[in-house]
């Protein structure tokens, strides 16, 4: 199951930095563009569209918006 999760990080702050460190420590796949508050899932549109059928996107501090 772990290998099917792909994390997308937003809202860069101390908490997000800790999440990033935990993901890296446990070898999770993640994307981090150091986005600011108000970041949207659409900021990762290209990466999300490239996910394989069996992969699940996990959005952290990202608004689910297409704008």
PDB file of N, CA and C in Angstrom:
ATOM      1  N   UNK A   1       0.824  -1.192   0.000  1.00  0.00           N
ATOM      2  CA  UNK A   1       0.000   0.000   0.000  1.00  0.00           C
ATOM      3  C   UNK A   1       0.865   1.250   0.000  1.00  0.00           C
ATOM      4  N   UNK A   2       1.934   1.262   0.777  1.00  0.00           N
ATOM      5  CA  UNK A   2       2.811   2.422   0.863  1.00  0.00           C
ATOM      6  C   UNK A   2       3.293   2.849  -0.515  1.00  0.00           C
ATOM      7  N   UNK A   3       3.647   1.896  -1.345  1.00  0.00           N
ATOM      8  CA  UNK A   3       4.174   2.219  -2.664  1.00  0.00           C
ATOM      9  C   UNK A   3       3.122   2.803  -3.599  1.00  0.00           C
ATOM     10  N   UNK A   4       1.856   2.743  -3.222  1.00  0.00           N
ATOM     11  CA  UNK A   4       0.778   3.288  -4.040  1.00  0.00           C
ATOM     12  C   UNK A   4       0.427   4.725  -3.668  1.00  0.00           C
ATOM     13  N   UNK A   5       1.012   5.243  -2.597  1.00  0.00           N
ATOM     14  CA  UNK A   5       0.706   6.596  -2.146  1.00  0.00           C
ATOM     15  C   UNK A   5       1.748   7.570  -2.680  1.00  0.00           C
ATOM     16  N   UNK A   6       1.265   8.676  -3.236  1.00  0.00           N
ATOM     17  CA  UNK A   6       2.149   9.737  -3.716  1.00  0.00           C
ATOM     18  C   UNK A   6       1.672  11.034  -3.065  1.00  0.00           C
ATOM     19  N   UNK A   7       2.553  11.674  -2.322  1.00  0.00           N
ATOM     20  CA  UNK A   7       2.202  12.854  -1.544  1.00  0.00           C
ATOM     21  C   UNK A   7       2.550  14.137  -2.297  1.00  0.00           C
ATOM     22  N   UNK A   8       1.660  15.129  -2.156  1.00  0.00           N
ATOM     23  CA  UNK A   8       1.842  16.435  -2.766  1.00  0.00           C
ATOM     24  C   UNK A   8       1.723  17.469  -1.649  1.00  0.00           C
ATOM     25  N   UNK A   9       2.785  18.239  -1.444  1.00  0.00           N
ATOM     26  CA  UNK A   9       2.864  19.128  -0.299  1.00  0.00           C
ATOM     27  C   UNK A   9       2.612  20.583  -0.673  1.00  0.00           C
ATOM     28  N   UNK A  10       1.865  21.269   0.177  1.00  0.00           N
ATOM     29  CA  UNK A  10       1.584  22.688  -0.030  1.00  0.00           C
ATOM     30  C   UNK A  10       1.710  23.436   1.273  1.00  0.00           C
ATOM     31  N   UNK A  11       1.379  24.720   1.262  1.00  0.00           N
ATOM     32  CA  UNK A  11       1.363  25.523   2.486  1.00  0.00           C
ATOM     33  C   UNK A  11       2.634  25.423   3.280  1.00  0.00           C
ATOM     34  N   UNK A  12       3.772  25.695   2.670  1.00  0.00           N
ATOM     35  CA  UNK A  12       5.072  25.496   3.294  1.00  0.00           C
ATOM     36  C   UNK A  12       5.225  26.297   4.592  1.00  0.00           C
ATOM     37  N   UNK A  13       5.477  25.572   5.667  1.00  0.00           N
ATOM     38  CA  UNK A  13       5.740  26.136   6.991  1.00  0.00           C
ATOM     39  C   UNK A  13       6.490  25.082   7.793  1.00  0.00           C
ATOM     40  N   UNK A  14       6.681  25.318   9.071  1.00  0.00           N
ATOM     41  CA  UNK A  14       7.437  24.374   9.909  1.00  0.00           C
ATOM     42  C   UNK A  14       6.760  23.005   9.960  1.00  0.00           C
ATOM     43  N   UNK A  15       5.446  23.002  10.037  1.00  0.00           N
ATOM     44  CA  UNK A  15       4.708  21.733  10.069  1.00  0.00           C
ATOM     45  C   UNK A  15       4.919  20.958   8.758  1.00  0.00           C
ATOM     46  N   UNK A  16       4.845  21.655   7.629  1.00  0.00           N
ATOM     47  CA  UNK A  16       5.039  20.990   6.342  1.00  0.00           C
ATOM     48  C   UNK A  16       6.464  20.481   6.203  1.00  0.00           C
ATOM     49  N   UNK A  17       7.421  21.219   6.727  1.00  0.00           N
ATOM     50  CA  UNK A  17       8.808  20.770   6.701  1.00  0.00           C
ATOM     51  C   UNK A  17       8.962  19.467   7.478  1.00  0.00           C
ATOM     52  N   UNK A  18       8.285  19.351   8.607  1.00  0.00           N
ATOM     53  CA  UNK A  18       8.341  18.111   9.390  1.00  0.00           C
ATOM     54  C   UNK A  18       7.676  16.954   8.635  1.00  0.00           C
ATOM     55  N   UNK A  19       6.557  17.228   7.992  1.00  0.00           N
ATOM     56  CA  UNK A  19       5.897  16.197   7.176  1.00  0.00           C
ATOM     57  C   UNK A  19       6.845  15.732   6.079  1.00  0.00           C
ATOM     58  N   UNK A  20       7.501  16.687   5.435  1.00  0.00           N
ATOM     59  CA  UNK A  20       8.460  16.358   4.372  1.00  0.00           C
ATOM     60  C   UNK A  20       9.575  15.470   4.923  1.00  0.00           C
ATOM     61  N   UNK A  21      10.109  15.817   6.097  1.00  0.00           N
ATOM     62  CA  UNK A  21      11.181  15.027   6.707  1.00  0.00           C
ATOM     63  C   UNK A  21      10.727  13.604   7.011  1.00  0.00           C
ATOM     64  N   UNK A  22       9.521  13.451   7.517  1.00  0.00           N
ATOM     65  CA  UNK A  22       8.990  12.116   7.825  1.00  0.00           C
ATOM     66  C   UNK A  22       8.818  11.303   6.549  1.00  0.00           C
ATOM     67  N   UNK A  23       8.271  11.923   5.512  1.00  0.00           N
ATOM     68  CA  UNK A  23       8.091  11.214   4.239  1.00  0.00           C
ATOM     69  C   UNK A  23       9.433  10.763   3.673  1.00  0.00           C
ATOM     70  N   UNK A  24      10.424  11.649   3.719  1.00  0.00           N
ATOM     71  CA  UNK A  24      11.752  11.301   3.210  1.00  0.00           C
ATOM     72  C   UNK A  24      12.382  10.181   4.037  1.00  0.00           C
ATOM     73  N   UNK A  25      12.246  10.267   5.342  1.00  0.00           N
ATOM     74  CA  UNK A  25      12.823   9.255   6.238  1.00  0.00           C
ATOM     75  C   UNK A  25      12.265   7.869   5.953  1.00  0.00           C
ATOM     76  N   UNK A  26      10.987   7.805   5.585  1.00  0.00           N
ATOM     77  CA  UNK A  26      10.331   6.521   5.349  1.00  0.00           C
ATOM     78  C   UNK A  26      10.208   6.176   3.861  1.00  0.00           C
ATOM     79  N   UNK A  27      10.951   6.913   3.046  1.00  0.00           N
ATOM     80  CA  UNK A  27      11.051   6.645   1.605  1.00  0.00           C
ATOM     81  C   UNK A  27       9.725   6.674   0.858  1.00  0.00           C
ATOM     82  N   UNK A  28       8.845   7.581   1.258  1.00  0.00           N
ATOM     83  CA  UNK A  28       7.617   7.789   0.508  1.00  0.00           C
ATOM     84  C   UNK A  28       7.928   8.647  -0.718  1.00  0.00           C
ATOM     85  N   UNK A  29       7.152   8.479  -1.754  1.00  0.00           N
ATOM     86  CA  UNK A  29       7.261   9.337  -2.925  1.00  0.00           C
ATOM     87  C   UNK A  29       6.492  10.614  -2.634  1.00  0.00           C
ATOM     88  N   UNK A  30       7.137  11.770  -2.859  1.00  0.00           N
ATOM     89  CA  UNK A  30       6.440  13.030  -2.630  1.00  0.00           C
ATOM     90  C   UNK A  30       6.972  14.112  -3.557  1.00  0.00           C
ATOM     91  N   UNK A  31       6.136  15.113  -3.753  1.00  0.00           N
ATOM     92  CA  UNK A  31       6.497  16.290  -4.528  1.00  0.00           C
ATOM     93  C   UNK A  31       6.353  17.494  -3.607  1.00  0.00           C
ATOM     94  N   UNK A  32       7.341  18.377  -3.638  1.00  0.00           N
ATOM     95  CA  UNK A  32       7.319  19.572  -2.796  1.00  0.00           C
ATOM     96  C   UNK A  32       7.852  20.745  -3.606  1.00  0.00           C
ATOM     97  N   UNK A  33       6.962  21.641  -3.963  1.00  0.00           N
ATOM     98  CA  UNK A  33       7.339  22.831  -4.724  1.00  0.00           C
ATOM     99  C   UNK A  33       7.512  24.055  -3.829  1.00  0.00           C
ATOM    100  N   UNK A  34       7.575  23.841  -2.505  1.00  0.00           N
ATOM    101  CA  UNK A  34       7.705  24.943  -1.549  1.00  0.00           C
ATOM    102  C   UNK A  34       6.655  26.017  -1.796  1.00  0.00           C
ATOM    103  N   UNK A  35       5.427  25.599  -1.949  1.00  0.00           N
ATOM    104  CA  UNK A  35       4.327  26.515  -2.227  1.00  0.00           C
ATOM    105  C   UNK A  35       3.929  27.286  -0.978  1.00  0.00           C
ATOM    106  N   UNK A  36       3.346  28.456  -1.177  1.00  0.00           N
ATOM    107  CA  UNK A  36       2.914  29.275  -0.052  1.00  0.00           C
ATOM    108  C   UNK A  36       1.472  28.933   0.324  1.00  0.00           C
ATOM    109  N   UNK A  37       0.969  29.610   1.360  1.00  0.00           N
ATOM    110  CA  UNK A  37      -0.406  29.409   1.799  1.00  0.00           C
ATOM    111  C   UNK A  37      -1.350  29.700   0.638  1.00  0.00           C
ATOM    112  N   UNK A  38      -2.436  28.959   0.583  1.00  0.00           N
ATOM    113  CA  UNK A  38      -3.399  29.112  -0.496  1.00  0.00           C
ATOM    114  C   UNK A  38      -3.053  28.253  -1.698  1.00  0.00           C
ATOM    115  N   UNK A  39      -2.038  27.395  -1.560  1.00  0.00           N
ATOM    116  CA  UNK A  39      -1.639  26.524  -2.654  1.00  0.00           C
ATOM    117  C   UNK A  39      -2.809  25.618  -3.044  1.00  0.00           C
ATOM    118  N   UNK A  40      -2.841  25.255  -4.310  1.00  0.00           N
ATOM    119  CA  UNK A  40      -3.942  24.449  -4.840  1.00  0.00           C
ATOM    120  C   UNK A  40      -3.424  23.136  -5.412  1.00  0.00           C
ATOM    121  N   UNK A  41      -4.279  22.150  -5.418  1.00  0.00           N
ATOM    122  CA  UNK A  41      -3.931  20.873  -6.025  1.00  0.00           C
ATOM    123  C   UNK A  41      -3.533  21.079  -7.487  1.00  0.00           C
ATOM    124  N   UNK A  42      -4.150  22.053  -8.131  1.00  0.00           N
ATOM    125  CA  UNK A  42      -3.845  22.317  -9.543  1.00  0.00           C
ATOM    126  C   UNK A  42      -2.401  22.779  -9.747  1.00  0.00           C
ATOM    127  N   UNK A  43      -1.719  23.212  -8.685  1.00  0.00           N
ATOM    128  CA  UNK A  43      -0.302  23.557  -8.792  1.00  0.00           C
ATOM    129  C   UNK A  43       0.538  22.323  -9.138  1.00  0.00           C
ATOM    130  N   UNK A  44      -0.015  21.153  -8.895  1.00  0.00           N
ATOM    131  CA  UNK A  44       0.643  19.886  -9.206  1.00  0.00           C
ATOM    132  C   UNK A  44      -0.088  19.140 -10.325  1.00  0.00           C
ATOM    133  N   UNK A  45      -0.841  19.852 -11.132  1.00  0.00           N
ATOM    134  CA  UNK A  45      -1.680  19.227 -12.151  1.00  0.00           C
ATOM    135  C   UNK A  45      -0.900  18.247 -13.026  1.00  0.00           C
ATOM    136  N   UNK A  46       0.231  18.664 -13.546  1.00  0.00           N
ATOM    137  CA  UNK A  46       1.013  17.793 -14.439  1.00  0.00           C
ATOM    138  C   UNK A  46       1.458  16.522 -13.726  1.00  0.00           C
ATOM    139  N   UNK A  47       1.932  16.658 -12.497  1.00  0.00           N
ATOM    140  CA  UNK A  47       2.420  15.496 -11.753  1.00  0.00           C
ATOM    141  C   UNK A  47       1.270  14.547 -11.417  1.00  0.00           C
ATOM    142  N   UNK A  48       0.126  15.103 -11.027  1.00  0.00           N
ATOM    143  CA  UNK A  48      -1.029  14.272 -10.677  1.00  0.00           C
ATOM    144  C   UNK A  48      -1.545  13.527 -11.902  1.00  0.00           C
ATOM    145  N   UNK A  49      -1.565  14.192 -13.038  1.00  0.00           N
ATOM    146  CA  UNK A  49      -2.030  13.550 -14.272  1.00  0.00           C
ATOM    147  C   UNK A  49      -1.139  12.385 -14.699  1.00  0.00           C
ATOM    148  N   UNK A  50       0.107  12.378 -14.256  1.00  0.00           N
ATOM    149  CA  UNK A  50       1.051  11.309 -14.620  1.00  0.00           C
ATOM    150  C   UNK A  50       1.005  10.103 -13.676  1.00  0.00           C
ATOM    151  N   UNK A  51       0.165  10.177 -12.635  1.00  0.00           N
ATOM    152  CA  UNK A  51       0.067   9.048 -11.710  1.00  0.00           C
ATOM    153  C   UNK A  51      -0.436   7.815 -12.439  1.00  0.00           C
ATOM    154  N   UNK A  52       0.070   6.685 -12.012  1.00  0.00           N
ATOM    155  CA  UNK A  52      -0.387   5.410 -12.563  1.00  0.00           C
ATOM    156  C   UNK A  52      -1.759   5.078 -11.988  1.00  0.00           C
ATOM    157  N   UNK A  53      -2.455   4.188 -12.648  1.00  0.00           N
ATOM    158  CA  UNK A  53      -3.822   3.820 -12.247  1.00  0.00           C
ATOM    159  C   UNK A  53      -3.891   3.323 -10.807  1.00  0.00           C
ATOM    160  N   UNK A  54      -2.845   2.663 -10.351  1.00  0.00           N
ATOM    161  CA  UNK A  54      -2.858   2.092  -9.001  1.00  0.00           C
ATOM    162  C   UNK A  54      -2.292   3.038  -7.939  1.00  0.00           C
ATOM    163  N   UNK A  55      -1.924   4.256  -8.315  1.00  0.00           N
ATOM    164  CA  UNK A  55      -1.372   5.210  -7.361  1.00  0.00           C
ATOM    165  C   UNK A  55      -2.458   6.167  -6.859  1.00  0.00           C
ATOM    166  N   UNK A  56      -2.314   6.555  -5.604  1.00  0.00           N
ATOM    167  CA  UNK A  56      -3.275   7.456  -4.973  1.00  0.00           C
ATOM    168  C   UNK A  56      -2.573   8.737  -4.563  1.00  0.00           C
ATOM    169  N   UNK A  57      -3.122   9.868  -4.994  1.00  0.00           N
ATOM    170  CA  UNK A  57      -2.578  11.166  -4.609  1.00  0.00           C
ATOM    171  C   UNK A  57      -3.039  11.500  -3.191  1.00  0.00           C
ATOM    172  N   UNK A  58      -2.097  11.939  -2.362  1.00  0.00           N
ATOM    173  CA  UNK A  58      -2.395  12.390  -1.007  1.00  0.00           C
ATOM    174  C   UNK A  58      -2.019  13.871  -0.959  1.00  0.00           C
ATOM    175  N   UNK A  59      -3.029  14.728  -0.811  1.00  0.00           N
ATOM    176  CA  UNK A  59      -2.818  16.173  -0.828  1.00  0.00           C
ATOM    177  C   UNK A  59      -2.710  16.698   0.597  1.00  0.00           C
ATOM    178  N   UNK A  60      -1.646  17.418   0.887  1.00  0.00           N
ATOM    179  CA  UNK A  60      -1.444  17.967   2.218  1.00  0.00           C
ATOM    180  C   UNK A  60      -1.384  19.489   2.130  1.00  0.00           C
ATOM    181  N   UNK A  61      -2.361  20.147   2.787  1.00  0.00           N
ATOM    182  CA  UNK A  61      -2.484  21.599   2.774  1.00  0.00           C
ATOM    183  C   UNK A  61      -2.600  22.150   1.357  1.00  0.00           C
ATOM    184  N   UNK A  62      -3.373  21.472   0.545  1.00  0.00           N
ATOM    185  CA  UNK A  62      -3.649  21.927  -0.819  1.00  0.00           C
ATOM    186  C   UNK A  62      -5.145  22.036  -0.999  1.00  0.00           C
ATOM    187  N   UNK A  63      -5.614  23.181  -1.458  1.00  0.00           N
ATOM    188  CA  UNK A  63      -7.018  23.329  -1.777  1.00  0.00           C
ATOM    189  C   UNK A  63      -7.344  22.524  -3.024  1.00  0.00           C
ATOM    190  N   UNK A  64      -8.474  21.870  -3.017  1.00  0.00           N
ATOM    191  CA  UNK A  64      -8.879  21.068  -4.162  1.00  0.00           C
ATOM    192  C   UNK A  64      -9.636  21.979  -5.136  1.00  0.00           C
ATOM    193  N   UNK A  65      -8.875  22.646  -5.978  1.00  0.00           N
ATOM    194  CA  UNK A  65      -9.434  23.599  -6.915  1.00  0.00           C
ATOM    195  C   UNK A  65      -8.782  23.426  -8.274  1.00  0.00           C
ATOM    196  N   UNK A  66      -9.529  23.632  -9.313  1.00  0.00           N
ATOM    197  CA  UNK A  66      -8.994  23.523 -10.673  1.00  0.00           C
ATOM    198  C   UNK A  66      -8.508  24.854 -11.204  1.00  0.00           C
ATOM    199  N   UNK A  67      -8.570  25.882 -10.425  1.00  0.00           N
ATOM    200  CA  UNK A  67      -8.166  27.219 -10.878  1.00  0.00           C
ATOM    201  C   UNK A  67      -6.695  27.469 -10.610  1.00  0.00           C
TER     202      UNK A  67
END
